[in-house]
Each structure stands twice: as C-alpha cells, then as structure tokens.
C-alpha atoms as a PDB file:
ATOM      1  CA  UNK A   1      16.868   3.158  15.355  1.00  0.00           C
ATOM      2  CA  UNK A   2      16.299   3.662  11.642  1.00  0.00           C
ATOM      3  CA  UNK A   3      17.225   0.932   9.165  1.00  0.00           C
ATOM      4  CA  UNK A   4      20.175   1.532   6.875  1.00  0.00           C
ATOM      5  CA  UNK A   5      19.022   1.733   3.287  1.00  0.00           C
ATOM      6  CA  UNK A   6      21.206   2.014   0.211  1.00  0.00           C
ATOM      7  CA  UNK A   7      19.235   3.040  -2.831  1.00  0.00           C
ATOM      8  CA  UNK A   8      20.205   2.494  -6.437  1.00  0.00           C
ATOM      9  CA  UNK A   9      20.084   6.251  -6.959  1.00  0.00           C
ATOM     10  CA  UNK A  10      22.604   6.858  -4.173  1.00  0.00           C
ATOM     11  CA  UNK A  11      24.879   4.159  -5.508  1.00  0.00           C
ATOM     12  CA  UNK A  12      24.821   5.558  -9.040  1.00  0.00           C
ATOM     13  CA  UNK A  13      25.418   9.209  -8.151  1.00  0.00           C
ATOM     14  CA  UNK A  14      28.348  11.158  -6.797  1.00  0.00           C
ATOM     15  CA  UNK A  15      27.524  10.043  -3.246  1.00  0.00           C
ATOM     16  CA  UNK A  16      29.997   7.215  -3.682  1.00  0.00           C
ATOM     17  CA  UNK A  17      32.636   9.144  -5.597  1.00  0.00           C
ATOM     18  CA  UNK A  18      33.131  12.324  -3.572  1.00  0.00           C
ATOM     19  CA  UNK A  19      36.858  11.845  -3.182  1.00  0.00           C
ATOM     20  CA  UNK A  20      39.389  10.324  -5.581  1.00  0.00           C
ATOM     21  CA  UNK A  21      40.484   7.704  -3.035  1.00  0.00           C
ATOM     22  CA  UNK A  22      37.079   6.052  -2.913  1.00  0.00           C
ATOM     23  CA  UNK A  23      36.338   3.086  -5.078  1.00  0.00           C
ATOM     24  CA  UNK A  24      33.751   3.841  -7.716  1.00  0.00           C
ATOM     25  CA  UNK A  25      30.775   1.529  -7.610  1.00  0.00           C
ATOM     26  CA  UNK A  26      29.118   0.503 -10.818  1.00  0.00           C
ATOM     27  CA  UNK A  27      25.488  -0.472 -10.437  1.00  0.00           C
ATOM     28  CA  UNK A  28      23.429  -2.506 -12.804  1.00  0.00           C
ATOM     29  CA  UNK A  29      19.981  -1.087 -13.368  1.00  0.00           C
ATOM     30  CA  UNK A  30      17.090  -3.497 -13.546  1.00  0.00           C
ATOM     31  CA  UNK A  31      14.028  -3.057 -15.698  1.00  0.00           C
ATOM     32  CA  UNK A  32      10.868  -5.074 -15.154  1.00  0.00           C
ATOM     33  CA  UNK A  33       8.143  -5.255 -17.725  1.00  0.00           C
ATOM     34  CA  UNK A  34       4.831  -4.522 -16.059  1.00  0.00           C
ATOM     35  CA  UNK A  35       1.185  -4.047 -16.821  1.00  0.00           C
ATOM     36  CA  UNK A  36      -0.895  -0.976 -16.238  1.00  0.00           C
ATOM     37  CA  UNK A  37      -4.251  -1.054 -14.520  1.00  0.00           C
ATOM     38  CA  UNK A  38      -7.050   1.497 -14.469  1.00  0.00           C
ATOM     39  CA  UNK A  39      -7.162   2.899 -10.939  1.00  0.00           C
ATOM     40  CA  UNK A  40      -9.648   5.167  -9.209  1.00  0.00           C
ATOM     41  CA  UNK A  41      -8.219   7.039  -6.246  1.00  0.00           C
ATOM     42  CA  UNK A  42     -10.702   7.907  -3.516  1.00  0.00           C
ATOM     43  CA  UNK A  43      -9.988  10.059  -0.516  1.00  0.00           C
ATOM     44  CA  UNK A  44     -11.816  12.101   2.090  1.00  0.00           C
ATOM     45  CA  UNK A  45     -11.653  15.873   2.013  1.00  0.00           C
ATOM     46  CA  UNK A  46     -11.957  16.174   5.791  1.00  0.00           C
ATOM     47  CA  UNK A  47     -10.204  14.210   8.558  1.00  0.00           C
ATOM     48  CA  UNK A  48     -12.179  11.533  10.402  1.00  0.00           C
ATOM     49  CA  UNK A  49     -12.066  10.395  14.013  1.00  0.00           C
ATOM     50  CA  UNK A  50     -11.384   6.713  13.208  1.00  0.00           C
ATOM     51  CA  UNK A  51      -9.678   6.338   9.845  1.00  0.00           C
ATOM     52  CA  UNK A  52      -9.593   2.526  10.020  1.00  0.00           C
ATOM     53  CA  UNK A  53     -13.383   2.379  10.400  1.00  0.00           C
ATOM     54  CA  UNK A  54     -13.745   4.974   7.639  1.00  0.00           C
ATOM     55  CA  UNK A  55     -11.554   2.849   5.349  1.00  0.00           C
ATOM     56  CA  UNK A  56     -13.616  -0.250   6.148  1.00  0.00           C
ATOM     57  CA  UNK A  57     -16.884   1.603   5.464  1.00  0.00           C
ATOM     58  CA  UNK A  58     -15.485   2.871   2.164  1.00  0.00           C
ATOM     59  CA  UNK A  59     -14.381  -0.620   1.116  1.00  0.00           C
ATOM     60  CA  UNK A  60     -17.821  -2.046   1.920  1.00  0.00           C
ATOM     61  CA  UNK A  61     -19.496   0.768   0.000  1.00  0.00           C
ATOM     62  CA  UNK A  62     -17.275   0.173  -3.031  1.00  0.00           C
ATOM     63  CA  UNK A  63     -17.893  -3.577  -2.803  1.00  0.00           C
ATOM     64  CA  UNK A  64     -21.669  -3.085  -2.704  1.00  0.00           C
ATOM     65  CA  UNK A  65     -21.986  -0.342  -5.324  1.00  0.00           C
ATOM     66  CA  UNK A  66     -19.280  -0.998  -7.918  1.00  0.00           C
ATOM     67  CA  UNK A  67     -18.728  -3.841 -10.383  1.00  0.00           C
ATOM     68  CA  UNK A  68     -16.621  -6.744  -9.209  1.00  0.00           C
ATOM     69  CA  UNK A  69     -12.958  -5.831  -8.806  1.00  0.00           C
ATOM     70  CA  UNK A  70     -10.175  -5.290  -6.329  1.00  0.00           C
ATOM     71  CA  UNK A  71      -9.837  -2.650  -3.636  1.00  0.00           C
ATOM     72  CA  UNK A  72      -6.403  -1.731  -2.313  1.00  0.00           C
ATOM     73  CA  UNK A  73      -6.197   0.148   0.996  1.00  0.00           C
ATOM     74  CA  UNK A  74      -2.991   1.574   2.436  1.00  0.00           C
ATOM     75  CA  UNK A  75      -2.846   1.675   6.242  1.00  0.00           C
ATOM     76  CA  UNK A  76      -0.101   2.886   8.552  1.00  0.00           C
ATOM     77  CA  UNK A  77       0.807  -0.249  10.474  1.00  0.00           C
ATOM     78  CA  UNK A  78       0.174  -3.917  11.157  1.00  0.00           C
ATOM     79  CA  UNK A  79      -2.230  -3.205  14.032  1.00  0.00           C
ATOM     80  CA  UNK A  80      -4.407  -1.073  11.755  1.00  0.00           C
ATOM     81  CA  UNK A  81      -4.238  -3.720   9.021  1.00  0.00           C
ATOM     82  CA  UNK A  82      -5.287  -6.464  11.445  1.00  0.00           C
ATOM     83  CA  UNK A  83      -8.127  -4.310  12.802  1.00  0.00           C
ATOM     84  CA  UNK A  84      -9.367  -3.489   9.290  1.00  0.00           C
ATOM     85  CA  UNK A  85      -9.305  -7.145   8.249  1.00  0.00           C
ATOM     86  CA  UNK A  86     -11.235  -8.141  11.360  1.00  0.00           C
ATOM     87  CA  UNK A  87     -13.818  -5.375  10.847  1.00  0.00           C
ATOM     88  CA  UNK A  88     -14.230  -6.219   7.155  1.00  0.00           C
ATOM     89  CA  UNK A  89     -14.730  -9.901   7.884  1.00  0.00           C
ATOM     90  CA  UNK A  90     -17.183  -9.187  10.728  1.00  0.00           C
ATOM     91  CA  UNK A  91     -19.238  -6.665   8.777  1.00  0.00           C
ATOM     92  CA  UNK A  92     -19.235  -8.722   5.591  1.00  0.00           C
ATOM     93  CA  UNK A  93     -20.414 -11.767   7.571  1.00  0.00           C
ATOM     94  CA  UNK A  94     -23.078  -9.912   9.574  1.00  0.00           C
ATOM     95  CA  UNK A  95     -24.400  -8.085   6.495  1.00  0.00           C
ATOM     96  CA  UNK A  96     -24.207 -11.244   4.401  1.00  0.00           C
ATOM     97  CA  UNK A  97     -22.276  -9.268   1.829  1.00  0.00           C
ATOM     98  CA  UNK A  98     -21.577 -11.126  -1.400  1.00  0.00           C
ATOM     99  CA  UNK A  99     -18.269 -12.973  -1.653  1.00  0.00           C
ATOM    100  CA  UNK A 100     -15.388 -10.881  -0.410  1.00  0.00           C
ATOM    101  CA  UNK A 101     -11.804 -12.077  -0.069  1.00  0.00           C
ATOM    102  CA  UNK A 102      -9.814 -10.029   2.439  1.00  0.00           C
ATOM    103  CA  UNK A 103      -6.026 -10.352   2.600  1.00  0.00           C
ATOM    104  CA  UNK A 104      -3.039  -8.322   3.668  1.00  0.00           C
ATOM    105  CA  UNK A 105       0.032  -7.792   1.536  1.00  0.00           C
ATOM    106  CA  UNK A 106       3.169  -7.536   3.600  1.00  0.00           C
END
C-alpha cells in the first residue's frame, strides 16, 4: 500500500479546483534560506555485483585520498544502510584508517 502524499504543487494547482463546487484551497509557500556547498558527484559507469560493497570501497578511497571533508552516500533501504555502516566501521578499524565518523541520516 502506497502512502498518501499531498504536495504543495498539487494543492496550489487546478487539482483542487476542477469543479466550481469544490472549495478552493489557498496554500502558503515557505522559503528557507540555505547555504550552498561545493559537491563532487562520483558514479560508476558500469554496474557492479555488490553495490553496497562498492559504495563502501569508494568511501574509504575518498577518505584516504582526499582532504578532510564529508561523504554522503545514498542507498536504497535501511538494510543496505546498516550493512554499509557495519562494513565501514569494520574496514576502518581493521585498516586503522584515520578518524572516521559514520552515521545514518533518516
């Protein structure tokens, strides 16, 4: 069963005013001031057998070869996230990799 989602775009378009008998909804739009960050996007040109392990290897390579900074990895589900965290912690510990903080953002 898919979750029901009502987007701001749907609320502010004709989707809610198709017939004259419907109540028109007025939506407030929110604007948040943000900061921009320089980002390098890395991807593989060919598929891999185990993409979680490939992501972990890439993170470790970036951590070892690049200046200190953050690495953000997008994975498809909680099981993959948990596996990646475990692999990163194990490999960082066994390789005595310099300080690495691994966390998931939910």
